[in-house]
Amino acid sequence: MDEQKEKIIQTIKETAKDGGISCTAARKIASDYNVSPKVVGDICDELKIKLKACELGCF
């Protein structure tokens, strides 16, 4: 697994509350790491973290 993905995983885990992360937070993580929202969504799926309050249907 590459270093960037590990950093994204760590950020998601730190941000997730009660097994979920908001759409806004997920999009910010994608922006911060310069990856598509789909990458963050796929990692959330791998980690069994649900996306909450989805605003645009990005995930």
N, C-alpha and C. Protein backbone atom coordinates (compact mmCIF):
# COMPACT_ATOMS: atom_id res chain seq x y z
N MET A 1 0.85 -1.18 0.00
CA MET A 1 0.00 0.00 0.00
C MET A 1 0.89 1.24 0.00
N ASP A 2 0.53 2.21 -0.79
CA ASP A 2 1.41 3.37 -0.89
C ASP A 2 1.23 4.32 0.30
N GLU A 3 2.21 5.17 0.45
CA GLU A 3 2.25 6.09 1.59
C GLU A 3 1.06 7.05 1.61
N GLN A 4 0.67 7.56 0.44
CA GLN A 4 -0.46 8.49 0.40
C GLN A 4 -1.74 7.81 0.87
N LYS A 5 -1.97 6.58 0.43
CA LYS A 5 -3.18 5.87 0.85
C LYS A 5 -3.16 5.66 2.36
N GLU A 6 -2.02 5.34 2.92
CA GLU A 6 -1.91 5.17 4.37
C GLU A 6 -2.28 6.47 5.10
N LYS A 7 -1.83 7.60 4.57
CA LYS A 7 -2.15 8.89 5.18
C LYS A 7 -3.65 9.19 5.08
N ILE A 8 -4.25 8.85 3.93
CA ILE A 8 -5.68 9.05 3.75
C ILE A 8 -6.45 8.18 4.74
N ILE A 9 -6.03 6.93 4.89
CA ILE A 9 -6.68 6.02 5.83
C ILE A 9 -6.62 6.59 7.24
N GLN A 10 -5.45 7.07 7.63
CA GLN A 10 -5.30 7.62 8.97
C GLN A 10 -6.20 8.84 9.18
N THR A 11 -6.26 9.71 8.18
CA THR A 11 -7.10 10.90 8.27
C THR A 11 -8.58 10.51 8.37
N ILE A 12 -9.00 9.54 7.57
CA ILE A 12 -10.39 9.09 7.62
C ILE A 12 -10.71 8.54 9.01
N LYS A 13 -9.82 7.70 9.53
CA LYS A 13 -10.06 7.11 10.85
C LYS A 13 -10.14 8.18 11.93
N GLU A 14 -9.30 9.21 11.83
CA GLU A 14 -9.33 10.29 12.82
C GLU A 14 -10.60 11.14 12.70
N THR A 15 -11.13 11.23 11.49
CA THR A 15 -12.29 12.08 11.23
C THR A 15 -13.61 11.36 11.50
N ALA A 16 -13.63 10.05 11.27
CA ALA A 16 -14.87 9.27 11.40
C ALA A 16 -15.34 9.25 12.85
N LYS A 17 -16.63 9.46 13.01
CA LYS A 17 -17.25 9.40 14.34
C LYS A 17 -18.41 8.41 14.26
N ASP A 18 -18.50 7.54 15.23
CA ASP A 18 -19.59 6.55 15.29
C ASP A 18 -19.69 5.74 14.00
N GLY A 19 -18.55 5.40 13.41
CA GLY A 19 -18.55 4.56 12.22
C GLY A 19 -18.96 5.26 10.95
N GLY A 20 -18.94 6.60 10.97
CA GLY A 20 -19.34 7.33 9.78
C GLY A 20 -18.57 8.62 9.61
N ILE A 21 -18.63 9.14 8.40
CA ILE A 21 -17.96 10.40 8.07
C ILE A 21 -18.91 11.20 7.17
N SER A 22 -18.95 12.49 7.35
CA SER A 22 -19.85 13.31 6.53
C SER A 22 -19.31 13.45 5.11
N CYS A 23 -20.22 13.70 4.21
CA CYS A 23 -19.85 13.93 2.81
C CYS A 23 -18.89 15.12 2.72
N THR A 24 -19.18 16.17 3.47
CA THR A 24 -18.32 17.36 3.45
C THR A 24 -16.90 17.02 3.87
N ALA A 25 -16.76 16.25 4.94
CA ALA A 25 -15.44 15.87 5.43
C ALA A 25 -14.72 14.97 4.42
N ALA A 26 -15.45 14.05 3.81
CA ALA A 26 -14.85 13.15 2.82
C ALA A 26 -14.35 13.94 1.61
N ARG A 27 -15.16 14.91 1.15
CA ARG A 27 -14.73 15.72 0.01
C ARG A 27 -13.52 16.57 0.37
N LYS A 28 -13.45 17.05 1.61
CA LYS A 28 -12.30 17.84 2.04
C LYS A 28 -11.04 16.97 2.07
N ILE A 29 -11.16 15.75 2.55
CA ILE A 29 -10.01 14.83 2.56
C ILE A 29 -9.55 14.60 1.12
N ALA A 30 -10.48 14.36 0.22
CA ALA A 30 -10.12 14.15 -1.19
C ALA A 30 -9.37 15.37 -1.74
N SER A 31 -9.88 16.55 -1.42
CA SER A 31 -9.23 17.78 -1.88
C SER A 31 -7.85 17.95 -1.26
N ASP A 32 -7.76 17.71 0.05
CA ASP A 32 -6.47 17.87 0.75
C ASP A 32 -5.38 16.96 0.19
N TYR A 33 -5.78 15.76 -0.24
CA TYR A 33 -4.81 14.81 -0.78
C TYR A 33 -4.78 14.78 -2.30
N ASN A 34 -5.56 15.68 -2.92
CA ASN A 34 -5.58 15.81 -4.38
C ASN A 34 -5.94 14.49 -5.07
N VAL A 35 -6.98 13.84 -4.54
CA VAL A 35 -7.49 12.62 -5.15
C VAL A 35 -8.98 12.82 -5.39
N SER A 36 -9.56 11.95 -6.20
CA SER A 36 -10.99 12.07 -6.47
C SER A 36 -11.80 11.61 -5.26
N PRO A 37 -13.02 12.13 -5.13
CA PRO A 37 -13.88 11.67 -4.05
C PRO A 37 -14.10 10.16 -4.07
N LYS A 38 -14.06 9.57 -5.27
CA LYS A 38 -14.24 8.12 -5.38
C LYS A 38 -13.15 7.37 -4.64
N VAL A 39 -11.92 7.86 -4.68
CA VAL A 39 -10.82 7.21 -3.96
C VAL A 39 -11.13 7.19 -2.47
N VAL A 40 -11.57 8.31 -1.94
CA VAL A 40 -11.91 8.39 -0.51
C VAL A 40 -13.10 7.48 -0.22
N GLY A 41 -14.10 7.48 -1.09
CA GLY A 41 -15.26 6.61 -0.92
C GLY A 41 -14.88 5.14 -0.91
N ASP A 42 -13.99 4.75 -1.81
CA ASP A 42 -13.55 3.36 -1.87
C ASP A 42 -12.81 2.96 -0.60
N ILE A 43 -11.97 3.86 -0.09
CA ILE A 43 -11.24 3.58 1.15
C ILE A 43 -12.23 3.46 2.31
N CYS A 44 -13.21 4.34 2.35
CA CYS A 44 -14.24 4.25 3.40
C CYS A 44 -14.95 2.90 3.33
N ASP A 45 -15.25 2.44 2.12
CA ASP A 45 -15.89 1.13 1.96
C ASP A 45 -14.99 0.03 2.53
N GLU A 46 -13.69 0.09 2.20
CA GLU A 46 -12.74 -0.91 2.70
C GLU A 46 -12.71 -0.92 4.22
N LEU A 47 -12.82 0.27 4.82
CA LEU A 47 -12.74 0.40 6.27
C LEU A 47 -14.10 0.20 6.95
N LYS A 48 -15.15 -0.05 6.14
CA LYS A 48 -16.52 -0.20 6.67
C LYS A 48 -16.99 1.07 7.39
N ILE A 49 -16.60 2.22 6.85
CA ILE A 49 -17.02 3.51 7.37
C ILE A 49 -18.08 4.06 6.43
N LYS A 50 -19.23 4.38 6.98
CA LYS A 50 -20.34 4.88 6.16
C LYS A 50 -20.24 6.38 5.94
N LEU A 51 -20.67 6.79 4.76
CA LEU A 51 -20.75 8.21 4.46
C LEU A 51 -22.12 8.72 4.85
N LYS A 52 -22.14 9.80 5.63
CA LYS A 52 -23.40 10.37 6.13
C LYS A 52 -23.63 11.74 5.50
N ALA A 53 -24.87 12.14 5.48
CA ALA A 53 -25.26 13.46 5.00
C ALA A 53 -24.67 13.75 3.63
N CYS A 54 -24.80 12.78 2.72
CA CYS A 54 -24.25 12.97 1.39
C CYS A 54 -25.03 14.08 0.68
N GLU A 55 -24.28 15.00 0.09
CA GLU A 55 -24.88 16.18 -0.50
C GLU A 55 -25.03 16.11 -2.01
N LEU A 56 -24.09 15.47 -2.67
CA LEU A 56 -24.08 15.54 -4.13
C LEU A 56 -24.14 14.17 -4.81
N GLY A 57 -24.20 13.12 -4.02
CA GLY A 57 -24.19 11.79 -4.62
C GLY A 57 -22.82 11.41 -5.15
N CYS A 58 -21.75 12.01 -4.62
CA CYS A 58 -20.39 11.74 -5.08
C CYS A 58 -19.93 10.33 -4.69
N PHE A 59 -20.52 9.79 -3.64
CA PHE A 59 -20.04 8.52 -3.10
C PHE A 59 -21.09 7.48 -3.34
